[in-house]
N, C-alpha and C. Protein backbone atom coordinates (compact mmCIF):
# COMPACT_ATOMS: atom_id res chain seq x y z
N UNK A 1 29.66 16.49 21.41
CA UNK A 1 29.48 16.42 19.83
C UNK A 1 28.46 15.42 19.50
N UNK A 2 28.24 14.17 20.26
CA UNK A 2 27.27 13.24 20.07
C UNK A 2 25.88 13.77 20.43
N UNK A 3 25.79 14.47 21.65
CA UNK A 3 24.65 15.01 22.11
C UNK A 3 24.05 16.25 21.12
N UNK A 4 24.92 16.86 20.47
CA UNK A 4 24.54 17.98 19.52
C UNK A 4 23.86 17.41 18.37
N UNK A 5 24.47 16.22 17.86
CA UNK A 5 23.93 15.44 16.62
C UNK A 5 22.59 14.93 17.02
N UNK A 6 22.44 14.36 18.26
CA UNK A 6 21.12 13.82 18.60
C UNK A 6 20.00 14.99 18.61
N UNK A 7 20.49 16.10 19.25
CA UNK A 7 19.43 17.22 19.19
C UNK A 7 19.14 17.68 17.82
N UNK A 8 20.05 17.66 17.00
CA UNK A 8 19.69 18.10 15.50
C UNK A 8 18.94 17.06 14.92
N UNK A 9 19.11 15.68 15.22
CA UNK A 9 18.28 14.70 14.53
C UNK A 9 16.87 14.95 15.00
N UNK A 10 16.81 15.03 16.36
CA UNK A 10 15.44 15.03 16.79
C UNK A 10 14.62 16.30 16.52
N UNK A 11 15.26 17.32 15.94
CA UNK A 11 14.50 18.51 15.44
C UNK A 11 14.29 18.52 14.12
N UNK A 12 15.37 18.02 13.31
CA UNK A 12 15.29 18.28 11.82
C UNK A 12 14.34 17.07 11.27
N UNK A 13 14.51 15.76 11.73
CA UNK A 13 13.55 14.73 11.21
C UNK A 13 12.23 15.12 11.26
N UNK A 14 11.50 15.45 12.45
CA UNK A 14 10.14 15.83 12.40
C UNK A 14 9.87 16.94 11.67
N UNK A 15 10.81 17.96 11.54
CA UNK A 15 10.55 19.12 10.82
C UNK A 15 10.44 18.81 9.23
N UNK A 16 11.38 17.91 8.77
CA UNK A 16 11.31 17.46 7.48
C UNK A 16 10.04 16.67 7.08
N UNK A 17 9.54 15.98 8.14
CA UNK A 17 8.32 15.10 7.96
C UNK A 17 7.08 16.01 7.83
N UNK A 18 7.14 17.12 8.63
CA UNK A 18 6.03 18.03 8.65
C UNK A 18 5.95 18.80 7.47
N UNK A 19 7.04 19.42 6.93
CA UNK A 19 7.27 20.11 5.77
C UNK A 19 6.86 19.34 4.43
N UNK A 20 7.30 18.01 4.53
CA UNK A 20 6.90 17.29 3.47
C UNK A 20 5.50 16.79 3.27
N UNK A 21 4.90 16.81 4.41
CA UNK A 21 3.50 16.56 4.51
C UNK A 21 2.73 17.75 3.93
N UNK A 22 3.14 18.89 4.27
CA UNK A 22 2.53 20.08 3.87
C UNK A 22 2.48 20.15 2.29
N UNK A 23 3.68 19.71 1.69
CA UNK A 23 3.85 19.85 0.14
C UNK A 23 3.20 18.70 -0.37
N UNK A 24 3.08 17.32 0.18
CA UNK A 24 2.44 16.39 -0.29
C UNK A 24 0.94 16.57 -0.46
N UNK A 25 0.33 17.13 0.71
CA UNK A 25 -1.09 17.45 0.85
C UNK A 25 -1.50 18.85 0.50
N UNK A 26 -0.85 19.43 -0.31
CA UNK A 26 -1.06 20.80 -0.85
C UNK A 26 -2.38 20.78 -1.50
N UNK A 27 -3.17 21.91 -1.58
CA UNK A 27 -4.48 22.05 -2.26
C UNK A 27 -4.38 21.52 -3.84
N UNK A 28 -5.33 20.71 -4.24
CA UNK A 28 -5.37 20.29 -5.56
C UNK A 28 -5.90 21.23 -6.51
N UNK A 29 -5.24 21.74 -7.50
CA UNK A 29 -5.73 22.53 -8.63
C UNK A 29 -6.77 21.85 -9.44
N UNK A 30 -7.73 22.66 -9.99
CA UNK A 30 -8.75 22.11 -10.63
C UNK A 30 -8.01 21.56 -12.06
N UNK A 31 -8.52 20.37 -12.50
CA UNK A 31 -7.89 19.90 -13.72
C UNK A 31 -6.72 19.14 -13.64
N UNK A 32 -6.08 19.07 -12.48
CA UNK A 32 -4.76 18.34 -12.34
C UNK A 32 -5.06 16.91 -12.05
N UNK A 33 -4.12 15.82 -12.45
CA UNK A 33 -4.56 14.58 -12.12
C UNK A 33 -4.70 14.26 -10.53
N UNK A 34 -5.47 13.16 -10.37
CA UNK A 34 -5.72 12.73 -9.01
C UNK A 34 -4.45 12.07 -8.42
N UNK A 35 -4.15 12.61 -7.30
CA UNK A 35 -2.86 12.09 -6.46
C UNK A 35 -3.30 10.77 -5.75
N UNK A 36 -2.32 9.79 -5.96
CA UNK A 36 -2.54 8.41 -5.32
C UNK A 36 -1.98 8.45 -3.84
N UNK A 37 -2.47 7.63 -2.96
CA UNK A 37 -1.93 7.46 -1.60
C UNK A 37 -0.36 7.07 -1.66
N UNK A 38 0.00 6.06 -2.40
CA UNK A 38 1.45 5.81 -2.38
C UNK A 38 2.35 6.83 -2.73
N UNK A 39 1.91 7.67 -3.61
CA UNK A 39 2.85 8.87 -4.17
C UNK A 39 2.90 9.90 -3.20
N UNK A 40 1.71 10.17 -2.48
CA UNK A 40 1.91 11.18 -1.35
C UNK A 40 2.63 10.80 -0.35
N UNK A 41 2.42 9.39 0.01
CA UNK A 41 3.36 8.83 1.09
C UNK A 41 4.90 8.83 0.82
N UNK A 42 5.25 8.48 -0.41
CA UNK A 42 6.42 8.66 -0.94
C UNK A 42 7.20 10.03 -0.77
N UNK A 43 6.45 11.08 -1.08
CA UNK A 43 6.89 12.44 -1.02
C UNK A 43 7.23 12.80 0.37
N UNK A 44 6.45 12.41 1.32
CA UNK A 44 6.79 12.63 2.74
C UNK A 44 8.04 11.89 3.17
N UNK A 45 8.09 10.67 2.90
CA UNK A 45 9.22 9.87 3.26
C UNK A 45 10.57 10.36 2.64
N UNK A 46 10.49 10.88 1.36
CA UNK A 46 11.54 11.31 0.59
C UNK A 46 12.23 12.59 1.41
N UNK A 47 11.32 13.55 1.90
CA UNK A 47 11.79 14.71 2.60
C UNK A 47 12.59 14.24 3.87
N UNK A 48 12.11 13.23 4.60
CA UNK A 48 12.84 12.61 5.77
C UNK A 48 14.24 12.08 5.33
N UNK A 49 14.18 11.33 4.15
CA UNK A 49 15.49 10.60 3.82
C UNK A 49 16.36 11.79 3.50
N UNK A 50 15.92 12.82 2.75
CA UNK A 50 16.96 13.84 2.46
C UNK A 50 17.50 14.45 3.75
N UNK A 51 16.72 14.67 4.78
CA UNK A 51 17.29 15.17 6.03
C UNK A 51 18.25 14.17 6.64
N UNK A 52 17.94 12.80 6.62
CA UNK A 52 18.99 12.00 7.18
C UNK A 52 20.30 11.93 6.44
N UNK A 53 20.16 12.12 5.07
CA UNK A 53 21.51 12.05 4.30
C UNK A 53 22.33 13.27 4.62
N UNK A 54 21.63 14.38 4.79
CA UNK A 54 22.29 15.64 5.10
C UNK A 54 22.90 15.70 6.56
N UNK A 55 22.22 14.97 7.50
CA UNK A 55 22.73 14.74 8.79
C UNK A 55 24.00 14.06 8.62
N UNK A 56 24.01 12.86 7.73
CA UNK A 56 25.20 12.19 7.68
C UNK A 56 26.30 12.84 6.89
N UNK A 57 26.00 13.76 5.94
CA UNK A 57 27.07 14.36 5.16
C UNK A 57 27.71 15.44 6.05
N UNK A 58 26.77 16.25 6.71
CA UNK A 58 27.25 17.38 7.57
C UNK A 58 28.09 18.42 6.61
N UNK A 59 29.26 18.66 7.07
CA UNK A 59 30.18 19.62 6.26
C UNK A 59 31.32 18.75 5.74
N UNK A 60 31.17 17.59 5.60
CA UNK A 60 32.15 16.65 5.05
C UNK A 60 31.99 16.49 3.50
N UNK A 61 32.98 17.01 2.77
CA UNK A 61 32.90 16.93 1.32
C UNK A 61 33.16 15.40 0.84
N UNK A 62 33.96 14.81 1.60
CA UNK A 62 34.21 13.42 1.34
C UNK A 62 33.15 12.53 1.33
N UNK A 63 32.19 12.81 2.49
CA UNK A 63 30.96 12.02 2.63
C UNK A 63 30.15 12.27 1.57
N UNK A 64 30.04 13.64 1.21
CA UNK A 64 29.04 13.90 0.05
C UNK A 64 29.43 13.20 -1.28
N UNK A 65 30.77 13.22 -1.59
CA UNK A 65 31.22 12.51 -2.73
C UNK A 65 30.85 10.94 -2.63
N UNK A 66 31.17 10.42 -1.37
CA UNK A 66 30.84 9.10 -1.16
C UNK A 66 29.50 8.52 -1.41
N UNK A 67 28.54 9.52 -1.01
CA UNK A 67 27.16 9.18 -1.12
C UNK A 67 26.64 9.20 -2.57
N UNK A 68 27.25 10.28 -3.27
CA UNK A 68 27.05 10.28 -4.70
C UNK A 68 27.48 8.94 -5.40
N UNK A 69 28.72 8.50 -5.04
CA UNK A 69 29.16 7.33 -5.67
C UNK A 69 28.41 6.12 -5.26
N UNK A 70 27.99 5.89 -3.99
CA UNK A 70 27.28 4.71 -3.65
C UNK A 70 25.79 4.83 -4.25
N UNK A 71 25.31 6.01 -4.38
CA UNK A 71 23.82 6.06 -4.97
C UNK A 71 23.98 5.79 -6.52
N UNK A 72 25.01 6.05 -7.16
CA UNK A 72 25.11 5.80 -8.44
C UNK A 72 25.19 4.39 -8.85
N UNK A 73 25.60 3.49 -7.88
CA UNK A 73 25.59 2.07 -8.09
C UNK A 73 24.23 1.42 -7.95
N UNK A 74 23.25 2.05 -7.50
CA UNK A 74 22.02 1.44 -7.21
C UNK A 74 21.29 1.39 -8.71
N UNK A 75 20.92 0.19 -8.90
CA UNK A 75 20.04 -0.11 -10.17
C UNK A 75 18.90 -0.84 -9.86
N UNK A 76 17.71 -0.57 -10.22
CA UNK A 76 16.48 -1.25 -9.97
C UNK A 76 16.12 -2.11 -11.13
N UNK A 77 16.47 -3.35 -11.07
CA UNK A 77 16.39 -4.29 -12.13
C UNK A 77 14.96 -4.99 -12.17
N UNK A 78 14.19 -5.10 -10.97
CA UNK A 78 12.95 -5.47 -11.07
C UNK A 78 11.94 -4.41 -10.86
N UNK A 79 10.66 -4.74 -11.31
CA UNK A 79 9.55 -3.77 -11.29
C UNK A 79 9.22 -3.55 -9.78
N UNK A 80 9.01 -2.22 -9.39
CA UNK A 80 8.56 -2.04 -7.99
C UNK A 80 7.06 -1.51 -8.18
N UNK A 81 6.10 -2.24 -7.54
CA UNK A 81 4.72 -1.70 -7.76
C UNK A 81 4.45 -0.60 -6.71
N UNK A 82 4.95 -0.62 -5.63
CA UNK A 82 4.79 0.49 -4.61
C UNK A 82 5.94 1.38 -4.54
N UNK A 83 5.67 2.79 -4.78
CA UNK A 83 6.92 3.65 -4.81
C UNK A 83 7.42 3.69 -3.46
N UNK A 84 6.77 3.33 -2.26
CA UNK A 84 7.41 3.39 -0.95
C UNK A 84 8.49 2.42 -0.86
N UNK A 85 8.41 1.30 -1.57
CA UNK A 85 9.38 0.35 -1.46
C UNK A 85 10.76 0.79 -1.94
N UNK A 86 10.69 1.63 -2.99
CA UNK A 86 11.88 2.20 -3.60
C UNK A 86 12.46 3.15 -2.69
N UNK A 87 11.55 3.95 -1.91
CA UNK A 87 12.17 4.87 -1.03
C UNK A 87 12.66 4.27 0.23
N UNK A 88 12.12 3.17 0.75
CA UNK A 88 12.64 2.38 1.79
C UNK A 88 14.08 1.96 1.56
N UNK A 89 14.31 1.49 0.15
CA UNK A 89 15.57 1.21 -0.10
C UNK A 89 16.60 2.37 0.14
N UNK A 90 16.22 3.74 -0.27
CA UNK A 90 17.00 4.92 0.14
C UNK A 90 17.12 5.04 1.57
N UNK A 91 16.08 4.75 2.35
CA UNK A 91 16.16 4.77 3.87
C UNK A 91 17.21 3.90 4.30
N UNK A 92 17.39 2.64 3.76
CA UNK A 92 18.32 1.62 4.14
C UNK A 92 19.69 2.12 3.83
N UNK A 93 19.69 2.79 2.63
CA UNK A 93 21.00 3.33 2.20
C UNK A 93 21.42 4.30 3.18
N UNK A 94 20.65 5.34 3.56
CA UNK A 94 20.82 6.48 4.37
C UNK A 94 21.33 5.99 5.86
N UNK A 95 20.75 5.01 6.37
CA UNK A 95 21.15 4.57 7.68
C UNK A 95 22.34 3.68 7.49
N UNK A 96 22.46 3.06 6.53
CA UNK A 96 23.68 2.22 6.30
C UNK A 96 24.90 3.31 6.12
N UNK A 97 24.81 4.34 5.48
CA UNK A 97 25.91 5.45 5.34
C UNK A 97 26.17 6.00 6.76
N UNK A 98 25.07 6.15 7.59
CA UNK A 98 25.39 6.75 8.95
C UNK A 98 25.97 5.81 9.63
N UNK A 99 25.69 4.58 9.60
CA UNK A 99 26.41 3.51 10.48
C UNK A 99 27.94 3.31 10.01
N UNK A 100 28.19 3.46 8.67
CA UNK A 100 29.41 3.23 8.23
C UNK A 100 30.36 4.42 8.42
N UNK A 101 29.86 5.58 8.68
CA UNK A 101 30.86 6.67 9.07
C UNK A 101 30.84 6.87 10.63
N UNK A 102 30.14 5.96 11.35
CA UNK A 102 30.37 6.01 12.67
C UNK A 102 29.22 6.80 13.48
N UNK A 103 28.26 7.25 12.74
CA UNK A 103 27.16 8.15 13.48
C UNK A 103 26.02 7.24 13.80
N UNK A 104 26.42 6.47 14.91
CA UNK A 104 25.61 5.32 15.30
C UNK A 104 24.20 5.83 15.91
N UNK A 105 24.23 6.99 16.71
CA UNK A 105 23.13 7.57 17.23
C UNK A 105 22.16 8.09 16.07
N UNK A 106 22.82 8.69 15.22
CA UNK A 106 21.88 9.10 14.08
C UNK A 106 21.35 7.99 13.23
N UNK A 107 22.04 7.00 13.14
CA UNK A 107 21.41 5.79 12.46
C UNK A 107 20.45 5.23 13.13
N UNK A 108 20.58 5.05 14.56
CA UNK A 108 19.52 4.41 15.32
C UNK A 108 18.14 5.37 15.43
N UNK A 109 18.41 6.71 15.65
CA UNK A 109 17.18 7.68 15.64
C UNK A 109 16.65 7.66 14.42
N UNK A 110 17.25 7.74 13.20
CA UNK A 110 16.52 7.84 11.90
C UNK A 110 15.86 6.49 11.55
N UNK A 111 16.34 5.36 12.04
CA UNK A 111 15.66 3.97 11.86
C UNK A 111 14.41 4.11 12.59
N UNK A 112 14.53 4.44 13.93
CA UNK A 112 13.28 4.38 14.68
C UNK A 112 12.18 5.42 14.19
N UNK A 113 12.69 6.70 13.71
CA UNK A 113 11.70 7.71 13.22
C UNK A 113 10.95 7.24 12.03
N UNK A 114 11.93 6.63 11.04
CA UNK A 114 11.15 6.20 9.65
C UNK A 114 10.40 5.06 9.88
N UNK A 115 10.69 4.06 10.72
CA UNK A 115 9.63 3.00 11.20
C UNK A 115 8.20 3.60 11.68
N UNK A 116 8.54 4.55 12.49
CA UNK A 116 7.22 5.18 13.24
C UNK A 116 6.48 5.97 12.13
N UNK A 117 7.19 6.63 11.27
CA UNK A 117 6.56 7.40 10.07
C UNK A 117 5.70 6.51 9.24
N UNK A 118 6.44 5.48 8.74
CA UNK A 118 6.00 4.44 7.89
C UNK A 118 4.64 3.76 8.49
N UNK A 119 4.75 3.45 9.80
CA UNK A 119 3.56 2.90 10.52
C UNK A 119 2.36 3.79 10.40
N UNK A 120 2.63 5.02 10.69
CA UNK A 120 1.47 6.07 10.81
C UNK A 120 0.96 6.20 9.38
N UNK A 121 1.84 6.59 8.37
CA UNK A 121 1.17 6.92 7.14
C UNK A 121 0.62 5.52 6.35
N UNK A 122 1.16 4.41 6.68
CA UNK A 122 0.41 3.23 6.10
C UNK A 122 -0.75 2.89 6.71
N UNK A 123 -1.00 3.28 7.82
CA UNK A 123 -2.27 3.07 8.59
C UNK A 123 -3.41 3.84 7.91
N UNK A 124 -3.13 4.78 7.12
CA UNK A 124 -4.22 5.57 6.43
C UNK A 124 -4.53 4.98 5.07
N UNK A 125 -3.79 3.81 4.66
CA UNK A 125 -4.02 3.24 3.33
C UNK A 125 -5.34 2.54 3.26
N UNK A 126 -6.10 2.61 2.18
CA UNK A 126 -7.20 1.72 2.06
C UNK A 126 -6.91 0.26 2.02
N UNK A 127 -7.79 -0.51 2.50
CA UNK A 127 -7.55 -1.99 2.47
C UNK A 127 -7.42 -2.60 1.13
N UNK A 128 -6.36 -3.31 0.97
CA UNK A 128 -6.17 -3.81 -0.43
C UNK A 128 -7.26 -4.99 -0.68
N UNK A 129 -7.76 -4.89 -1.91
CA UNK A 129 -8.78 -5.82 -2.43
C UNK A 129 -8.43 -6.59 -3.55
N UNK A 130 -8.87 -7.78 -3.64
CA UNK A 130 -8.75 -8.53 -5.02
C UNK A 130 -10.22 -8.71 -5.52
N UNK A 131 -10.30 -8.74 -6.79
CA UNK A 131 -11.34 -8.76 -7.50
C UNK A 131 -11.70 -10.19 -8.21
N UNK A 132 -12.92 -10.63 -8.07
CA UNK A 132 -13.40 -11.93 -8.62
C UNK A 132 -14.55 -11.80 -9.46
N UNK A 133 -14.54 -12.80 -10.47
CA UNK A 133 -15.91 -12.93 -11.17
C UNK A 133 -16.56 -14.03 -10.39
N UNK A 134 -17.72 -13.84 -10.01
CA UNK A 134 -18.55 -14.94 -9.34
C UNK A 134 -19.65 -15.37 -10.14
N UNK A 135 -19.63 -16.64 -10.44
CA UNK A 135 -20.72 -17.27 -11.36
C UNK A 135 -21.51 -18.33 -10.46
N UNK A 136 -22.79 -18.20 -10.35
CA UNK A 136 -23.73 -19.02 -9.56
C UNK A 136 -24.57 -19.69 -10.42
N UNK A 137 -24.62 -20.95 -10.66
CA UNK A 137 -25.61 -21.66 -11.46
C UNK A 137 -26.52 -22.42 -10.41
N UNK A 138 -27.74 -22.22 -10.79
CA UNK A 138 -28.86 -22.95 -10.16
C UNK A 138 -30.16 -23.12 -11.02
N UNK A 139 -30.34 -24.40 -11.60
CA UNK A 139 -31.17 -24.61 -12.61
C UNK A 139 -32.60 -24.03 -12.35
N UNK A 140 -33.09 -23.09 -13.13
CA UNK A 140 -34.49 -22.63 -12.96
C UNK A 140 -34.75 -21.80 -11.66
N UNK A 141 -33.68 -21.62 -10.89
CA UNK A 141 -33.96 -20.97 -9.56
C UNK A 141 -33.02 -19.75 -9.36
N UNK A 142 -32.05 -19.43 -10.48
CA UNK A 142 -31.15 -18.46 -10.06
C UNK A 142 -31.84 -17.04 -9.91
N UNK A 143 -32.79 -16.86 -10.76
CA UNK A 143 -33.49 -15.44 -10.72
C UNK A 143 -34.18 -15.35 -9.29
N UNK A 144 -34.88 -16.45 -8.79
CA UNK A 144 -35.64 -16.28 -7.54
C UNK A 144 -34.66 -16.21 -6.35
N UNK A 145 -33.42 -16.78 -6.50
CA UNK A 145 -32.64 -16.73 -5.39
C UNK A 145 -31.77 -15.50 -5.45
N UNK A 146 -31.70 -14.67 -6.32
CA UNK A 146 -30.94 -13.65 -6.52
C UNK A 146 -31.00 -12.55 -5.33
N UNK A 147 -32.15 -12.20 -4.91
CA UNK A 147 -32.31 -11.27 -3.52
C UNK A 147 -31.52 -11.85 -2.26
N UNK A 148 -31.67 -13.08 -2.12
CA UNK A 148 -31.03 -13.78 -1.00
C UNK A 148 -29.47 -14.02 -1.17
N UNK A 149 -29.10 -14.20 -2.44
CA UNK A 149 -27.72 -14.35 -2.77
C UNK A 149 -27.02 -12.96 -2.47
N UNK A 150 -27.65 -11.89 -2.88
CA UNK A 150 -27.12 -10.57 -2.74
C UNK A 150 -27.04 -10.18 -1.09
N UNK A 151 -27.98 -10.75 -0.52
CA UNK A 151 -28.07 -10.45 0.92
C UNK A 151 -26.86 -11.10 1.67
N UNK A 152 -26.44 -12.34 1.05
CA UNK A 152 -25.22 -13.00 1.70
C UNK A 152 -24.10 -12.19 1.37
N UNK A 153 -23.93 -11.67 0.25
CA UNK A 153 -22.77 -10.86 -0.03
C UNK A 153 -22.71 -9.70 0.83
N UNK A 154 -23.93 -9.03 1.11
CA UNK A 154 -23.90 -7.82 1.86
C UNK A 154 -23.45 -8.26 3.44
N UNK A 155 -23.92 -9.36 3.80
CA UNK A 155 -23.62 -9.88 5.06
C UNK A 155 -22.30 -9.84 5.39
N UNK A 156 -21.50 -10.38 4.47
CA UNK A 156 -19.96 -10.47 4.37
C UNK A 156 -19.28 -9.13 3.98
N UNK A 157 -20.16 -8.12 3.75
CA UNK A 157 -19.51 -6.73 3.45
C UNK A 157 -18.60 -6.66 2.25
N UNK A 158 -19.18 -7.36 1.31
CA UNK A 158 -18.39 -7.39 -0.02
C UNK A 158 -19.05 -6.65 -1.12
N UNK A 159 -18.20 -5.52 -1.76
CA UNK A 159 -18.83 -4.74 -2.66
C UNK A 159 -19.07 -5.62 -3.96
N UNK A 160 -20.03 -5.41 -4.56
CA UNK A 160 -20.42 -6.47 -5.79
C UNK A 160 -21.22 -5.64 -6.83
N UNK A 161 -21.12 -6.09 -7.95
CA UNK A 161 -21.85 -5.41 -9.11
C UNK A 161 -22.45 -6.68 -10.11
N UNK A 162 -23.61 -6.68 -10.25
CA UNK A 162 -24.19 -7.74 -11.13
C UNK A 162 -23.78 -7.60 -12.67
N UNK A 163 -23.41 -8.77 -13.26
CA UNK A 163 -22.93 -8.80 -14.69
C UNK A 163 -23.96 -9.31 -15.58
N UNK A 164 -24.55 -10.44 -15.20
CA UNK A 164 -25.54 -11.12 -16.10
C UNK A 164 -26.59 -11.93 -15.14
N UNK A 165 -27.74 -12.10 -15.78
CA UNK A 165 -28.87 -12.74 -15.05
C UNK A 165 -29.71 -13.54 -16.02
N UNK A 166 -29.79 -14.76 -15.81
CA UNK A 166 -30.88 -15.65 -16.41
C UNK A 166 -31.50 -16.61 -15.48
N UNK A 167 -32.44 -17.45 -16.08
CA UNK A 167 -33.00 -18.17 -14.97
C UNK A 167 -32.10 -19.38 -14.49
N UNK A 168 -31.04 -19.59 -15.06
CA UNK A 168 -30.08 -20.64 -14.49
C UNK A 168 -28.85 -20.20 -13.96
N UNK A 169 -28.40 -18.97 -14.30
CA UNK A 169 -27.10 -18.44 -13.90
C UNK A 169 -27.09 -17.00 -13.54
N UNK A 170 -26.29 -16.77 -12.33
CA UNK A 170 -26.07 -15.26 -11.99
C UNK A 170 -24.64 -15.07 -12.02
N UNK A 171 -24.24 -13.83 -12.42
CA UNK A 171 -22.85 -13.42 -12.55
C UNK A 171 -22.64 -12.06 -11.93
N UNK A 172 -21.52 -12.05 -11.05
CA UNK A 172 -21.33 -10.76 -10.34
C UNK A 172 -19.70 -10.57 -10.36
N UNK A 173 -19.41 -9.23 -10.31
CA UNK A 173 -17.96 -8.85 -9.97
C UNK A 173 -18.04 -8.52 -8.53
N UNK A 174 -17.09 -9.32 -7.83
CA UNK A 174 -17.04 -9.12 -6.21
C UNK A 174 -15.75 -8.75 -5.92
N UNK A 175 -15.49 -7.68 -4.96
CA UNK A 175 -14.26 -7.27 -4.33
C UNK A 175 -14.23 -8.01 -2.90
N UNK A 176 -13.01 -8.42 -2.61
CA UNK A 176 -12.76 -8.99 -1.37
C UNK A 176 -11.44 -8.75 -0.88
N UNK A 177 -11.31 -8.67 0.35
CA UNK A 177 -9.95 -8.36 0.95
C UNK A 177 -8.89 -9.48 0.65
N UNK A 178 -7.59 -9.18 0.55
CA UNK A 178 -6.71 -10.18 0.09
C UNK A 178 -6.71 -11.17 1.20
N UNK A 179 -6.83 -10.87 2.52
CA UNK A 179 -6.53 -11.97 3.53
C UNK A 179 -7.92 -12.73 3.77
N UNK A 180 -8.86 -12.54 2.86
CA UNK A 180 -10.28 -13.20 3.27
C UNK A 180 -10.43 -14.49 2.31
N UNK A 181 -11.10 -15.39 2.77
CA UNK A 181 -11.29 -16.76 2.04
C UNK A 181 -12.71 -16.76 1.45
N UNK A 182 -12.90 -17.34 0.25
CA UNK A 182 -14.18 -17.35 -0.46
C UNK A 182 -14.96 -18.52 0.14
N UNK A 183 -14.44 -19.35 0.78
CA UNK A 183 -15.07 -20.61 1.35
C UNK A 183 -16.46 -20.20 2.25
N UNK A 184 -16.27 -19.26 3.25
CA UNK A 184 -17.56 -18.93 4.03
C UNK A 184 -18.62 -18.40 3.16
N UNK A 185 -18.20 -17.59 2.13
CA UNK A 185 -19.31 -16.93 1.21
C UNK A 185 -19.92 -18.08 0.37
N UNK A 186 -19.09 -19.03 -0.04
CA UNK A 186 -19.56 -20.20 -0.84
C UNK A 186 -20.60 -20.96 -0.13
N UNK A 187 -20.23 -21.30 1.14
CA UNK A 187 -21.04 -22.02 1.94
C UNK A 187 -22.44 -21.41 2.32
N UNK A 188 -22.37 -20.11 2.51
CA UNK A 188 -23.45 -19.24 2.74
C UNK A 188 -24.35 -19.19 1.54
N UNK A 189 -23.80 -19.17 0.41
CA UNK A 189 -24.81 -19.19 -0.87
C UNK A 189 -25.26 -20.58 -1.04
N UNK A 190 -24.68 -21.72 -0.88
CA UNK A 190 -25.06 -23.04 -1.03
C UNK A 190 -26.22 -23.36 -0.06
N UNK A 191 -25.94 -22.80 1.13
CA UNK A 191 -26.98 -23.07 2.13
C UNK A 191 -28.31 -22.43 1.93
N UNK A 192 -28.45 -21.53 1.03
CA UNK A 192 -29.75 -20.96 0.73
C UNK A 192 -30.73 -21.98 0.17
N UNK A 193 -30.25 -22.88 -0.60
CA UNK A 193 -31.10 -23.87 -1.16
C UNK A 193 -30.43 -25.28 -1.21
N UNK A 194 -30.33 -25.91 -0.13
CA UNK A 194 -29.44 -27.22 -0.07
C UNK A 194 -30.02 -28.28 -1.06
N UNK A 195 -31.17 -28.22 -1.43
CA UNK A 195 -31.79 -29.34 -2.33
C UNK A 195 -31.61 -29.00 -3.73
N UNK A 196 -31.02 -27.78 -4.05
CA UNK A 196 -30.79 -27.47 -5.31
C UNK A 196 -29.41 -27.77 -5.83
N UNK A 197 -29.20 -28.34 -7.05
CA UNK A 197 -27.86 -28.57 -7.43
C UNK A 197 -27.29 -27.29 -8.00
N UNK A 198 -26.60 -26.72 -7.00
CA UNK A 198 -26.07 -25.30 -7.21
C UNK A 198 -24.47 -25.38 -7.41
N UNK A 199 -24.24 -24.49 -8.38
CA UNK A 199 -22.67 -24.48 -8.60
C UNK A 199 -22.10 -22.83 -8.16
N UNK A 200 -21.09 -22.82 -7.66
CA UNK A 200 -20.52 -21.54 -7.26
C UNK A 200 -19.08 -21.43 -7.73
N UNK A 201 -18.76 -20.65 -8.60
CA UNK A 201 -17.29 -20.64 -9.19
C UNK A 201 -16.58 -19.20 -8.95
N UNK A 202 -15.58 -19.15 -8.40
CA UNK A 202 -14.87 -17.81 -8.12
C UNK A 202 -13.67 -17.88 -9.21
N UNK A 203 -13.64 -16.85 -9.92
CA UNK A 203 -12.54 -16.59 -10.75
C UNK A 203 -11.75 -15.39 -10.61
N UNK A 204 -10.41 -15.41 -10.18
CA UNK A 204 -9.70 -14.37 -9.90
C UNK A 204 -9.37 -13.45 -11.05
N UNK A 205 -9.72 -12.33 -11.01
CA UNK A 205 -9.45 -11.32 -12.17
C UNK A 205 -8.18 -10.61 -11.97
N UNK A 206 -7.24 -10.92 -12.82
CA UNK A 206 -5.89 -10.39 -12.74
C UNK A 206 -5.87 -8.94 -13.21
N UNK A 207 -5.07 -8.02 -12.47
CA UNK A 207 -5.03 -6.79 -12.94
C UNK A 207 -4.37 -6.61 -14.44
N UNK A 208 -5.00 -5.67 -15.16
CA UNK A 208 -4.52 -5.50 -16.55
C UNK A 208 -3.07 -4.92 -16.51
N UNK A 209 -2.18 -5.53 -17.34
CA UNK A 209 -0.95 -5.01 -17.44
C UNK A 209 -0.73 -4.28 -18.89
N UNK A 210 0.10 -3.13 -18.69
CA UNK A 210 0.20 -2.45 -19.89
C UNK A 210 1.28 -2.98 -20.86
């Protein structure tokens, strides 16, 4: 019996992932909204979660009613920014149900498969960036320093856009990876003119909330 369940899981989980991927990556019709990466990933994972739940339920009506009862108790009180986090909660519920009814091999295989699937699809995510307003003050030298300052930003591979320029101050909007520090960039800018009384100010731009 256990061997048959393992074979079923090893076939059905990859099949669910493949079919979910086909649906999530379906050709986009002209005029339809742009699909975001988290939503595509969520749709793929949901297909696998559905397969795990059905493996748990099998032909047991009691398990089916139990799953409905447990799912109805779930309430998301806090805001979830990434849809995948909500789906991982369902994954935890599914493997917990499998463990609770004694389907230990199914629970283990499902956990390993979902971990591998999350690792693969999250590896395609674009690198998360934070946005800063960068203000550089240099009395009467800001304009002449501008090409060299922008060269420093390019050296650190930071996307930027100029906001304002006058003889004493430059302003940019700069994108930077979440795990990066502004200090090396600041030191690189100040080193361009050590004798100048230069000020470098980074202001973290918070995302707009609706």
